[in-house]
C-alpha cells in the first residue's frame, strides 16, 4: 500500500457503499496482523481503495471514491514524484501489475 490516502475507516467505506453499491468493486477490508491478533472476529479495522490496474478513465467512473484519491493521494504523490518515478509508482492509481494476483495466490495457499 503506497499512501495512507487509500485507507478508509470502516464507517466511511460503508457509507460510500450505501450511497453507490458499485463502490464495492473498489473498496475492500484491509486486514493487518494487529486486527487478526486483537479482534475476536478478525474483522478489518480499516478498508482500502483499490482501483486494480484500471485506467484512470475507468477509475473515474467511481466518482466519489476517485475524488478521495485525488484529494488525499495526489498531493502527497506530487511532493514525492522523484521517489515514486524511481520505484515505478508515479501513476496516481498505480498498482504494480501482478501484485494483486500474487497476493491472492499467497492468501489462498496460506489458508
PDB file of N, CA and C in Angstrom:
ATOM      1  N   UNK A   1       0.848  -1.160   0.000  1.00  0.00           N
ATOM      2  CA  UNK A   1       0.000   0.000   0.000  1.00  0.00           C
ATOM      3  C   UNK A   1       0.893   1.222   0.000  1.00  0.00           C
ATOM      4  N   UNK A   2       0.827   2.000  -1.043  1.00  0.00           N
ATOM      5  CA  UNK A   2       1.665   3.185  -1.162  1.00  0.00           C
ATOM      6  C   UNK A   2       0.797   4.421  -0.994  1.00  0.00           C
ATOM      7  N   UNK A   3       0.656   4.879   0.227  1.00  0.00           N
ATOM      8  CA  UNK A   3      -0.113   6.085   0.509  1.00  0.00           C
ATOM      9  C   UNK A   3      -1.279   5.819   1.427  1.00  0.00           C
ATOM     10  N   UNK A   4      -1.304   6.543   2.557  1.00  0.00           N
ATOM     11  CA  UNK A   4      -2.388   6.371   3.513  1.00  0.00           C
ATOM     12  C   UNK A   4      -3.709   6.919   2.995  1.00  0.00           C
ATOM     13  N   UNK A   5      -3.669   7.707   1.929  1.00  0.00           N
ATOM     14  CA  UNK A   5      -4.901   8.238   1.346  1.00  0.00           C
ATOM     15  C   UNK A   5      -5.811   7.162   0.783  1.00  0.00           C
ATOM     16  N   UNK A   6      -5.270   5.960   0.576  1.00  0.00           N
ATOM     17  CA  UNK A   6      -6.074   4.852   0.079  1.00  0.00           C
ATOM     18  C   UNK A   6      -6.823   4.141   1.205  1.00  0.00           C
ATOM     19  N   UNK A   7      -6.513   4.468   2.451  1.00  0.00           N
ATOM     20  CA  UNK A   7      -7.094   3.767   3.596  1.00  0.00           C
ATOM     21  C   UNK A   7      -8.278   4.544   4.146  1.00  0.00           C
ATOM     22  N   UNK A   8      -9.355   3.825   4.449  1.00  0.00           N
ATOM     23  CA  UNK A   8     -10.590   4.424   4.955  1.00  0.00           C
ATOM     24  C   UNK A   8     -11.015   3.752   6.258  1.00  0.00           C
ATOM     25  N   UNK A   9     -11.736   4.491   7.077  1.00  0.00           N
ATOM     26  CA  UNK A   9     -12.385   3.900   8.244  1.00  0.00           C
ATOM     27  C   UNK A   9     -13.530   3.023   7.747  1.00  0.00           C
ATOM     28  N   UNK A  10     -13.851   1.949   8.469  1.00  0.00           N
ATOM     29  CA  UNK A  10     -14.945   1.075   8.040  1.00  0.00           C
ATOM     30  C   UNK A  10     -16.259   1.842   7.823  1.00  0.00           C
ATOM     31  N   UNK A  11     -16.527   2.802   8.686  1.00  0.00           N
ATOM     32  CA  UNK A  11     -17.771   3.576   8.560  1.00  0.00           C
ATOM     33  C   UNK A  11     -17.785   4.397   7.270  1.00  0.00           C
ATOM     34  N   UNK A  12     -16.639   4.942   6.895  1.00  0.00           N
ATOM     35  CA  UNK A  12     -16.549   5.716   5.666  1.00  0.00           C
ATOM     36  C   UNK A  12     -16.758   4.817   4.453  1.00  0.00           C
ATOM     37  N   UNK A  13     -16.152   3.640   4.467  1.00  0.00           N
ATOM     38  CA  UNK A  13     -16.316   2.697   3.359  1.00  0.00           C
ATOM     39  C   UNK A  13     -17.772   2.254   3.246  1.00  0.00           C
ATOM     40  N   UNK A  14     -18.389   1.940   4.376  1.00  0.00           N
ATOM     41  CA  UNK A  14     -19.792   1.502   4.349  1.00  0.00           C
ATOM     42  C   UNK A  14     -20.700   2.601   3.832  1.00  0.00           C
ATOM     43  N   UNK A  15     -20.431   3.838   4.215  1.00  0.00           N
ATOM     44  CA  UNK A  15     -21.248   4.959   3.733  1.00  0.00           C
ATOM     45  C   UNK A  15     -21.102   5.111   2.215  1.00  0.00           C
ATOM     46  N   UNK A  16     -19.895   4.943   1.713  1.00  0.00           N
ATOM     47  CA  UNK A  16     -19.685   5.022   0.259  1.00  0.00           C
ATOM     48  C   UNK A  16     -20.445   3.910  -0.455  1.00  0.00           C
ATOM     49  N   UNK A  17     -20.442   2.722   0.106  1.00  0.00           N
ATOM     50  CA  UNK A  17     -21.159   1.589  -0.493  1.00  0.00           C
ATOM     51  C   UNK A  17     -22.670   1.807  -0.421  1.00  0.00           C
ATOM     52  N   UNK A  18     -23.141   2.351   0.680  1.00  0.00           N
ATOM     53  CA  UNK A  18     -24.579   2.617   0.808  1.00  0.00           C
ATOM     54  C   UNK A  18     -25.036   3.649  -0.217  1.00  0.00           C
ATOM     55  N   UNK A  19     -24.198   4.635  -0.513  1.00  0.00           N
ATOM     56  CA  UNK A  19     -24.571   5.669  -1.488  1.00  0.00           C
ATOM     57  C   UNK A  19     -24.504   5.153  -2.919  1.00  0.00           C
ATOM     58  N   UNK A  20     -23.605   4.200  -3.172  1.00  0.00           N
ATOM     59  CA  UNK A  20     -23.490   3.624  -4.515  1.00  0.00           C
ATOM     60  C   UNK A  20     -22.928   2.210  -4.364  1.00  0.00           C
ATOM     61  N   UNK A  21     -23.774   1.220  -4.548  1.00  0.00           N
ATOM     62  CA  UNK A  21     -23.378  -0.179  -4.321  1.00  0.00           C
ATOM     63  C   UNK A  21     -22.215  -0.596  -5.227  1.00  0.00           C
ATOM     64  N   UNK A  22     -22.047   0.073  -6.360  1.00  0.00           N
ATOM     65  CA  UNK A  22     -20.918  -0.255  -7.244  1.00  0.00           C
ATOM     66  C   UNK A  22     -19.573  -0.024  -6.558  1.00  0.00           C
ATOM     67  N   UNK A  23     -19.547   0.821  -5.535  1.00  0.00           N
ATOM     68  CA  UNK A  23     -18.285   1.096  -4.848  1.00  0.00           C
ATOM     69  C   UNK A  23     -17.678  -0.156  -4.212  1.00  0.00           C
ATOM     70  N   UNK A  24     -18.493  -1.208  -4.075  1.00  0.00           N
ATOM     71  CA  UNK A  24     -17.952  -2.490  -3.595  1.00  0.00           C
ATOM     72  C   UNK A  24     -16.873  -3.029  -4.527  1.00  0.00           C
ATOM     73  N   UNK A  25     -16.894  -2.585  -5.775  1.00  0.00           N
ATOM     74  CA  UNK A  25     -15.898  -3.033  -6.751  1.00  0.00           C
ATOM     75  C   UNK A  25     -14.496  -2.538  -6.396  1.00  0.00           C
ATOM     76  N   UNK A  26     -14.412  -1.436  -5.642  1.00  0.00           N
ATOM     77  CA  UNK A  26     -13.113  -0.809  -5.389  1.00  0.00           C
ATOM     78  C   UNK A  26     -12.795  -0.606  -3.908  1.00  0.00           C
ATOM     79  N   UNK A  27     -13.673  -1.049  -3.019  1.00  0.00           N
ATOM     80  CA  UNK A  27     -13.460  -0.916  -1.576  1.00  0.00           C
ATOM     81  C   UNK A  27     -13.377  -2.301  -0.944  1.00  0.00           C
ATOM     82  N   UNK A  28     -12.320  -2.527  -0.155  1.00  0.00           N
ATOM     83  CA  UNK A  28     -12.081  -3.850   0.403  1.00  0.00           C
ATOM     84  C   UNK A  28     -11.611  -3.756   1.851  1.00  0.00           C
ATOM     85  N   UNK A  29     -11.996  -4.725   2.682  1.00  0.00           N
ATOM     86  CA  UNK A  29     -11.441  -4.771   4.039  1.00  0.00           C
ATOM     87  C   UNK A  29      -9.924  -4.920   3.952  1.00  0.00           C
ATOM     88  N   UNK A  30      -9.206  -4.251   4.836  1.00  0.00           N
ATOM     89  CA  UNK A  30      -7.746  -4.246   4.833  1.00  0.00           C
ATOM     90  C   UNK A  30      -7.275  -4.751   6.186  1.00  0.00           C
ATOM     91  N   UNK A  31      -7.017  -6.042   6.246  1.00  0.00           N
ATOM     92  CA  UNK A  31      -6.591  -6.688   7.490  1.00  0.00           C
ATOM     93  C   UNK A  31      -5.089  -6.573   7.681  1.00  0.00           C
ATOM     94  N   UNK A  32      -4.699  -6.425   8.925  1.00  0.00           N
ATOM     95  CA  UNK A  32      -3.276  -6.489   9.259  1.00  0.00           C
ATOM     96  C   UNK A  32      -3.116  -7.422  10.459  1.00  0.00           C
ATOM     97  N   UNK A  33      -1.894  -7.656  10.880  1.00  0.00           N
ATOM     98  CA  UNK A  33      -1.634  -8.568  11.989  1.00  0.00           C
ATOM     99  C   UNK A  33      -2.314  -8.147  13.274  1.00  0.00           C
ATOM    100  N   UNK A  34      -2.348  -6.844  13.516  1.00  0.00           N
ATOM    101  CA  UNK A  34      -2.996  -6.357  14.739  1.00  0.00           C
ATOM    102  C   UNK A  34      -4.482  -6.716  14.747  1.00  0.00           C
ATOM    103  N   UNK A  35      -5.142  -6.584  13.591  1.00  0.00           N
ATOM    104  CA  UNK A  35      -6.558  -6.970  13.505  1.00  0.00           C
ATOM    105  C   UNK A  35      -6.739  -8.447  13.838  1.00  0.00           C
ATOM    106  N   UNK A  36      -5.900  -9.280  13.263  1.00  0.00           N
ATOM    107  CA  UNK A  36      -6.021 -10.725  13.471  1.00  0.00           C
ATOM    108  C   UNK A  36      -5.744 -11.129  14.911  1.00  0.00           C
ATOM    109  N   UNK A  37      -4.837 -10.404  15.555  1.00  0.00           N
ATOM    110  CA  UNK A  37      -4.453 -10.751  16.931  1.00  0.00           C
ATOM    111  C   UNK A  37      -5.300 -10.080  18.006  1.00  0.00           C
ATOM    112  N   UNK A  38      -5.976  -8.997  17.673  1.00  0.00           N
ATOM    113  CA  UNK A  38      -6.674  -8.250  18.726  1.00  0.00           C
ATOM    114  C   UNK A  38      -8.182  -8.202  18.571  1.00  0.00           C
ATOM    115  N   UNK A  39      -8.697  -8.612  17.433  1.00  0.00           N
ATOM    116  CA  UNK A  39     -10.139  -8.568  17.210  1.00  0.00           C
ATOM    117  C   UNK A  39     -10.677  -9.995  17.212  1.00  0.00           C
ATOM    118  N   UNK A  40     -11.558 -10.318  18.156  1.00  0.00           N
ATOM    119  CA  UNK A  40     -12.073 -11.700  18.249  1.00  0.00           C
ATOM    120  C   UNK A  40     -12.709 -12.202  16.957  1.00  0.00           C
ATOM    121  N   UNK A  41     -13.335 -11.287  16.204  1.00  0.00           N
ATOM    122  CA  UNK A  41     -13.979 -11.698  14.955  1.00  0.00           C
ATOM    123  C   UNK A  41     -13.053 -11.559  13.744  1.00  0.00           C
ATOM    124  N   UNK A  42     -11.801 -11.151  13.982  1.00  0.00           N
ATOM    125  CA  UNK A  42     -10.806 -10.959  12.921  1.00  0.00           C
ATOM    126  C   UNK A  42     -11.287 -10.006  11.831  1.00  0.00           C
ATOM    127  N   UNK A  43     -12.113  -9.037  12.214  1.00  0.00           N
ATOM    128  CA  UNK A  43     -12.609  -8.062  11.244  1.00  0.00           C
ATOM    129  C   UNK A  43     -11.549  -6.996  10.991  1.00  0.00           C
ATOM    130  N   UNK A  44     -11.659  -6.349   9.866  1.00  0.00           N
ATOM    131  CA  UNK A  44     -10.712  -5.309   9.490  1.00  0.00           C
ATOM    132  C   UNK A  44     -11.032  -4.014  10.221  1.00  0.00           C
ATOM    133  N   UNK A  45      -9.992  -3.363  10.720  1.00  0.00           N
ATOM    134  CA  UNK A  45     -10.171  -2.083  11.396  1.00  0.00           C
ATOM    135  C   UNK A  45     -10.141  -0.929  10.400  1.00  0.00           C
ATOM    136  N   UNK A  46      -9.898  -1.252   9.131  1.00  0.00           N
ATOM    137  CA  UNK A  46      -9.877  -0.239   8.080  1.00  0.00           C
ATOM    138  C   UNK A  46     -10.161  -0.902   6.745  1.00  0.00           C
ATOM    139  N   UNK A  47     -10.459  -0.079   5.789  1.00  0.00           N
ATOM    140  CA  UNK A  47     -10.726  -0.540   4.436  1.00  0.00           C
ATOM    141  C   UNK A  47      -9.752   0.154   3.498  1.00  0.00           C
ATOM    142  N   UNK A  48      -9.627  -0.356   2.290  1.00  0.00           N
ATOM    143  CA  UNK A  48      -8.691   0.206   1.329  1.00  0.00           C
ATOM    144  C   UNK A  48      -9.391   0.422  -0.013  1.00  0.00           C
ATOM    145  N   UNK A  49      -8.983   1.481  -0.687  1.00  0.00           N
ATOM    146  CA  UNK A  49      -9.429   1.748  -2.064  1.00  0.00           C
ATOM    147  C   UNK A  49      -8.449   1.038  -2.987  1.00  0.00           C
ATOM    148  N   UNK A  50      -8.974   0.241  -3.908  1.00  0.00           N
ATOM    149  CA  UNK A  50      -8.130  -0.477  -4.858  1.00  0.00           C
ATOM    150  C   UNK A  50      -8.774  -0.385  -6.236  1.00  0.00           C
ATOM    151  N   UNK A  51      -8.160   0.404  -7.102  1.00  0.00           N
ATOM    152  CA  UNK A  51      -8.618   0.510  -8.485  1.00  0.00           C
ATOM    153  C   UNK A  51      -7.936  -0.525  -9.380  1.00  0.00           C
ATOM    154  N   UNK A  52      -7.330  -1.521  -8.775  1.00  0.00           N
ATOM    155  CA  UNK A  52      -6.685  -2.624  -9.500  1.00  0.00           C
ATOM    156  C   UNK A  52      -5.667  -2.044 -10.477  1.00  0.00           C
ATOM    157  N   UNK A  53      -5.638  -2.525 -11.691  1.00  0.00           N
ATOM    158  CA  UNK A  53      -4.731  -1.957 -12.696  1.00  0.00           C
ATOM    159  C   UNK A  53      -5.539  -1.218 -13.764  1.00  0.00           C
ATOM    160  N   UNK A  54      -6.632  -0.616 -13.318  1.00  0.00           N
ATOM    161  CA  UNK A  54      -7.546   0.070 -14.223  1.00  0.00           C
ATOM    162  C   UNK A  54      -6.936   1.341 -14.785  1.00  0.00           C
ATOM    163  N   UNK A  55      -7.521   1.771 -15.894  1.00  0.00           N
ATOM    164  CA  UNK A  55      -7.175   3.076 -16.454  1.00  0.00           C
ATOM    165  C   UNK A  55      -7.805   4.158 -15.580  1.00  0.00           C
ATOM    166  N   UNK A  56      -7.285   5.354 -15.709  1.00  0.00           N
ATOM    167  CA  UNK A  56      -7.862   6.476 -14.972  1.00  0.00           C
ATOM    168  C   UNK A  56      -9.320   6.694 -15.391  1.00  0.00           C
ATOM    169  N   UNK A  57      -9.600   6.527 -16.662  1.00  0.00           N
ATOM    170  CA  UNK A  57     -10.970   6.711 -17.149  1.00  0.00           C
ATOM    171  C   UNK A  57     -11.942   5.756 -16.442  1.00  0.00           C
ATOM    172  N   UNK A  58     -11.557   4.508 -16.314  1.00  0.00           N
ATOM    173  CA  UNK A  58     -12.421   3.542 -15.635  1.00  0.00           C
ATOM    174  C   UNK A  58     -12.560   3.888 -14.152  1.00  0.00           C
ATOM    175  N   UNK A  59     -11.453   4.252 -13.503  1.00  0.00           N
ATOM    176  CA  UNK A  59     -11.497   4.609 -12.086  1.00  0.00           C
ATOM    177  C   UNK A  59     -12.402   5.818 -11.851  1.00  0.00           C
ATOM    178  N   UNK A  60     -12.388   6.765 -12.772  1.00  0.00           N
ATOM    179  CA  UNK A  60     -13.245   7.951 -12.636  1.00  0.00           C
ATOM    180  C   UNK A  60     -14.733   7.610 -12.696  1.00  0.00           C
ATOM    181  N   UNK A  61     -15.065   6.422 -13.153  1.00  0.00           N
ATOM    182  CA  UNK A  61     -16.480   6.031 -13.191  1.00  0.00           C
ATOM    183  C   UNK A  61     -17.005   5.715 -11.785  1.00  0.00           C
ATOM    184  N   UNK A  62     -16.124   5.810 -10.793  1.00  0.00           N
ATOM    185  CA  UNK A  62     -16.476   5.710  -9.376  1.00  0.00           C
ATOM    186  C   UNK A  62     -16.156   7.077  -8.760  1.00  0.00           C
ATOM    187  N   UNK A  63     -16.964   8.096  -9.098  1.00  0.00           N
ATOM    188  CA  UNK A  63     -16.572   9.485  -8.828  1.00  0.00           C
ATOM    189  C   UNK A  63     -16.308   9.821  -7.366  1.00  0.00           C
ATOM    190  N   UNK A  64     -17.117   9.333  -6.462  1.00  0.00           N
ATOM    191  CA  UNK A  64     -16.929   9.701  -5.064  1.00  0.00           C
ATOM    192  C   UNK A  64     -15.643   9.099  -4.499  1.00  0.00           C
ATOM    193  N   UNK A  65     -15.343   7.870  -4.868  1.00  0.00           N
ATOM    194  CA  UNK A  65     -14.125   7.220  -4.405  1.00  0.00           C
ATOM    195  C   UNK A  65     -12.906   7.839  -5.098  1.00  0.00           C
ATOM    196  N   UNK A  66     -13.022   8.098  -6.386  1.00  0.00           N
ATOM    197  CA  UNK A  66     -11.911   8.700  -7.117  1.00  0.00           C
ATOM    198  C   UNK A  66     -11.568  10.069  -6.545  1.00  0.00           C
ATOM    199  N   UNK A  67     -12.578  10.816  -6.135  1.00  0.00           N
ATOM    200  CA  UNK A  67     -12.348  12.140  -5.554  1.00  0.00           C
ATOM    201  C   UNK A  67     -11.508  12.040  -4.278  1.00  0.00           C
ATOM    202  N   UNK A  68     -11.726  11.008  -3.491  1.00  0.00           N
ATOM    203  CA  UNK A  68     -10.930  10.804  -2.270  1.00  0.00           C
ATOM    204  C   UNK A  68      -9.468  10.595  -2.636  1.00  0.00           C
ATOM    205  N   UNK A  69      -9.213   9.785  -3.646  1.00  0.00           N
ATOM    206  CA  UNK A  69      -7.838   9.528  -4.065  1.00  0.00           C
ATOM    207  C   UNK A  69      -7.200  10.799  -4.605  1.00  0.00           C
ATOM    208  N   UNK A  70      -7.941  11.528  -5.417  1.00  0.00           N
ATOM    209  CA  UNK A  70      -7.396  12.788  -5.947  1.00  0.00           C
ATOM    210  C   UNK A  70      -7.085  13.773  -4.828  1.00  0.00           C
ATOM    211  N   UNK A  71      -7.955  13.864  -3.871  1.00  0.00           N
ATOM    212  CA  UNK A  71      -7.793  14.823  -2.767  1.00  0.00           C
ATOM    213  C   UNK A  71      -6.693  14.405  -1.801  1.00  0.00           C
ATOM    214  N   UNK A  72      -6.637  13.107  -1.448  1.00  0.00           N
ATOM    215  CA  UNK A  72      -5.748  12.665  -0.376  1.00  0.00           C
ATOM    216  C   UNK A  72      -4.432  12.053  -0.850  1.00  0.00           C
ATOM    217  N   UNK A  73      -4.405  11.506  -2.046  1.00  0.00           N
ATOM    218  CA  UNK A  73      -3.206  10.818  -2.523  1.00  0.00           C
ATOM    219  C   UNK A  73      -2.403  11.687  -3.491  1.00  0.00           C
ATOM    220  N   UNK A  74      -3.093  12.321  -4.413  1.00  0.00           N
ATOM    221  CA  UNK A  74      -2.403  13.070  -5.464  1.00  0.00           C
ATOM    222  C   UNK A  74      -1.435  14.130  -4.913  1.00  0.00           C
ATOM    223  N   UNK A  75      -1.816  14.945  -3.929  1.00  0.00           N
ATOM    224  CA  UNK A  75      -0.864  15.952  -3.426  1.00  0.00           C
ATOM    225  C   UNK A  75       0.394  15.320  -2.818  1.00  0.00           C
ATOM    226  N   UNK A  76       0.236  14.227  -2.100  1.00  0.00           N
ATOM    227  CA  UNK A  76       1.381  13.549  -1.494  1.00  0.00           C
ATOM    228  C   UNK A  76       2.285  12.964  -2.570  1.00  0.00           C
ATOM    229  N   UNK A  77       1.681  12.390  -3.590  1.00  0.00           N
ATOM    230  CA  UNK A  77       2.469  11.816  -4.684  1.00  0.00           C
ATOM    231  C   UNK A  77       3.199  12.911  -5.453  1.00  0.00           C
ATOM    232  N   UNK A  78       2.573  14.065  -5.603  1.00  0.00           N
ATOM    233  CA  UNK A  78       3.223  15.171  -6.307  1.00  0.00           C
ATOM    234  C   UNK A  78       4.484  15.606  -5.567  1.00  0.00           C
ATOM    235  N   UNK A  79       4.433  15.628  -4.235  1.00  0.00           N
ATOM    236  CA  UNK A  79       5.600  16.002  -3.432  1.00  0.00           C
ATOM    237  C   UNK A  79       6.723  14.982  -3.572  1.00  0.00           C
ATOM    238  N   UNK A  80       6.375  13.727  -3.733  1.00  0.00           N
ATOM    239  CA  UNK A  80       7.351  12.640  -3.763  1.00  0.00           C
ATOM    240  C   UNK A  80       7.563  12.085  -5.161  1.00  0.00           C
ATOM    241  N   UNK A  81       7.314  12.883  -6.167  1.00  0.00           N
ATOM    242  CA  UNK A  81       7.316  12.389  -7.540  1.00  0.00           C
ATOM    243  C   UNK A  81       8.635  11.733  -7.937  1.00  0.00           C
ATOM    244  N   UNK A  82       9.771  12.273  -7.546  1.00  0.00           N
ATOM    245  CA  UNK A  82      11.051  11.672  -7.914  1.00  0.00           C
ATOM    246  C   UNK A  82      11.199  10.281  -7.349  1.00  0.00           C
ATOM    247  N   UNK A  83      10.868  10.120  -6.082  1.00  0.00           N
ATOM    248  CA  UNK A  83      10.941   8.817  -5.419  1.00  0.00           C
ATOM    249  C   UNK A  83       9.978   7.838  -6.067  1.00  0.00           C
ATOM    250  N   UNK A  84       8.775   8.303  -6.384  1.00  0.00           N
ATOM    251  CA  UNK A  84       7.782   7.417  -6.981  1.00  0.00           C
ATOM    252  C   UNK A  84       8.197   6.992  -8.383  1.00  0.00           C
ATOM    253  N   UNK A  85       8.737   7.915  -9.159  1.00  0.00           N
ATOM    254  CA  UNK A  85       9.167   7.559 -10.510  1.00  0.00           C
ATOM    255  C   UNK A  85      10.249   6.490 -10.450  1.00  0.00           C
ATOM    256  N   UNK A  86      11.170   6.618  -9.513  1.00  0.00           N
ATOM    257  CA  UNK A  86      12.245   5.637  -9.379  1.00  0.00           C
ATOM    258  C   UNK A  86      11.719   4.268  -8.968  1.00  0.00           C
ATOM    259  N   UNK A  87      10.616   4.253  -8.198  1.00  0.00           N
ATOM    260  CA  UNK A  87      10.071   2.975  -7.737  1.00  0.00           C
ATOM    261  C   UNK A  87       9.005   2.423  -8.671  1.00  0.00           C
ATOM    262  N   UNK A  88       8.715   3.137  -9.761  1.00  0.00           N
ATOM    263  CA  UNK A  88       7.675   2.691 -10.687  1.00  0.00           C
ATOM    264  C   UNK A  88       6.291   3.041 -10.213  1.00  0.00           C
ATOM    265  N   UNK A  89       6.173   3.957  -9.268  1.00  0.00           N
ATOM    266  CA  UNK A  89       4.876   4.295  -8.694  1.00  0.00           C
ATOM    267  C   UNK A  89       4.401   5.680  -9.017  1.00  0.00           C
ATOM    268  N   UNK A  90       4.812   6.249 -10.129  1.00  0.00           N
ATOM    269  CA  UNK A  90       4.445   7.615 -10.460  1.00  0.00           C
ATOM    270  C   UNK A  90       2.987   7.800 -10.815  1.00  0.00           C
ATOM    271  N   UNK A  91       2.322   6.764 -11.214  1.00  0.00           N
ATOM    272  CA  UNK A  91       0.916   6.846 -11.591  1.00  0.00           C
ATOM    273  C   UNK A  91       0.054   6.940 -10.328  1.00  0.00           C
ATOM    274  N   UNK A  92      -0.888   7.862 -10.324  1.00  0.00           N
ATOM    275  CA  UNK A  92      -1.767   8.049  -9.173  1.00  0.00           C
ATOM    276  C   UNK A  92      -2.469   6.755  -8.784  1.00  0.00           C
ATOM    277  N   UNK A  93      -2.853   5.972  -9.745  1.00  0.00           N
ATOM    278  CA  UNK A  93      -3.614   4.755  -9.487  1.00  0.00           C
ATOM    279  C   UNK A  93      -2.732   3.514  -9.486  1.00  0.00           C
ATOM    280  N   UNK A  94      -1.446   3.693  -9.534  1.00  0.00           N
ATOM    281  CA  UNK A  94      -0.534   2.575  -9.742  1.00  0.00           C
ATOM    282  C   UNK A  94      -0.710   1.448  -8.739  1.00  0.00           C
ATOM    283  N   UNK A  95      -1.002   0.292  -9.272  1.00  0.00           N
ATOM    284  CA  UNK A  95      -0.886  -0.962  -8.525  1.00  0.00           C
ATOM    285  C   UNK A  95       0.066  -1.768  -9.387  1.00  0.00           C
ATOM    286  N   UNK A  96       1.161  -2.167  -8.859  1.00  0.00           N
ATOM    287  CA  UNK A  96       2.114  -2.877  -9.704  1.00  0.00           C
ATOM    288  C   UNK A  96       1.441  -4.091 -10.316  1.00  0.00           C
ATOM    289  N   UNK A  97       1.562  -4.181 -11.596  1.00  0.00           N
ATOM    290  CA  UNK A  97       0.896  -5.259 -12.317  1.00  0.00           C
ATOM    291  C   UNK A  97       1.298  -6.608 -11.730  1.00  0.00           C
ATOM    292  N   UNK A  98       0.303  -7.427 -11.460  1.00  0.00           N
ATOM    293  CA  UNK A  98       0.560  -8.756 -10.943  1.00  0.00           C
ATOM    294  C   UNK A  98       0.608  -8.831  -9.428  1.00  0.00           C
ATOM    295  N   UNK A  99       0.762  -7.707  -8.750  1.00  0.00           N
ATOM    296  CA  UNK A  99       0.913  -7.763  -7.297  1.00  0.00           C
ATOM    297  C   UNK A  99      -0.360  -8.247  -6.627  1.00  0.00           C
ATOM    298  N   UNK A 100      -1.526  -7.823  -7.118  1.00  0.00           N
ATOM    299  CA  UNK A 100      -2.782  -8.284  -6.531  1.00  0.00           C
ATOM    300  C   UNK A 100      -2.943  -9.775  -6.763  1.00  0.00           C
ATOM    301  N   UNK A 101      -2.609 -10.229  -7.941  1.00  0.00           N
ATOM    302  CA  UNK A 101      -2.709 -11.658  -8.265  1.00  0.00           C
ATOM    303  C   UNK A 101      -1.805 -12.468  -7.336  1.00  0.00           C
ATOM    304  N   UNK A 102      -0.578 -12.013  -7.116  1.00  0.00           N
ATOM    305  CA  UNK A 102       0.332 -12.731  -6.220  1.00  0.00           C
ATOM    306  C   UNK A 102      -0.225 -12.781  -4.809  1.00  0.00           C
ATOM    307  N   UNK A 103      -0.841 -11.682  -4.374  1.00  0.00           N
ATOM    308  CA  UNK A 103      -1.424 -11.634  -3.032  1.00  0.00           C
ATOM    309  C   UNK A 103      -2.549 -12.646  -2.908  1.00  0.00           C
ATOM    310  N   UNK A 104      -3.391 -12.748  -3.921  1.00  0.00           N
ATOM    311  CA  UNK A 104      -4.486 -13.713  -3.888  1.00  0.00           C
ATOM    312  C   UNK A 104      -3.942 -15.125  -3.811  1.00  0.00           C
ATOM    313  N   UNK A 105      -2.933 -15.435  -4.597  1.00  0.00           N
ATOM    314  CA  UNK A 105      -2.346 -16.784  -4.569  1.00  0.00           C
ATOM    315  C   UNK A 105      -1.760 -17.063  -3.201  1.00  0.00           C
ATOM    316  N   UNK A 106      -1.038 -16.107  -2.626  1.00  0.00           N
ATOM    317  CA  UNK A 106      -0.455 -16.281  -1.311  1.00  0.00           C
ATOM    318  C   UNK A 106      -1.548 -16.514  -0.277  1.00  0.00           C
ATOM    319  N   UNK A 107      -2.600 -15.711  -0.330  1.00  0.00           N
ATOM    320  CA  UNK A 107      -3.686 -15.838   0.628  1.00  0.00           C
ATOM    321  C   UNK A 107      -4.368 -17.203   0.513  1.00  0.00           C
ATOM    322  N   UNK A 108      -4.636 -17.628  -0.718  1.00  0.00           N
ATOM    323  CA  UNK A 108      -5.291 -18.916  -0.929  1.00  0.00           C
ATOM    324  C   UNK A 108      -4.430 -20.055  -0.408  1.00  0.00           C
ATOM    325  N   UNK A 109      -3.123 -19.987  -0.618  1.00  0.00           N
ATOM    326  CA  UNK A 109      -2.274 -21.087  -0.183  1.00  0.00           C
ATOM    327  C   UNK A 109      -2.034 -21.030   1.329  1.00  0.00           C
ATOM    328  N   UNK A 110      -2.122 -19.838   1.910  1.00  0.00           N
ATOM    329  CA  UNK A 110      -1.900 -19.695   3.348  1.00  0.00           C
ATOM    330  C   UNK A 110      -3.032 -20.297   4.158  1.00  0.00           C
ATOM    331  N   UNK A 111      -4.237 -20.153   3.719  1.00  0.00           N
ATOM    332  CA  UNK A 111      -5.392 -20.698   4.450  1.00  0.00           C
ATOM    333  C   UNK A 111      -5.494 -22.143   4.120  1.00  0.00           C
TER     334      UNK A 111
END
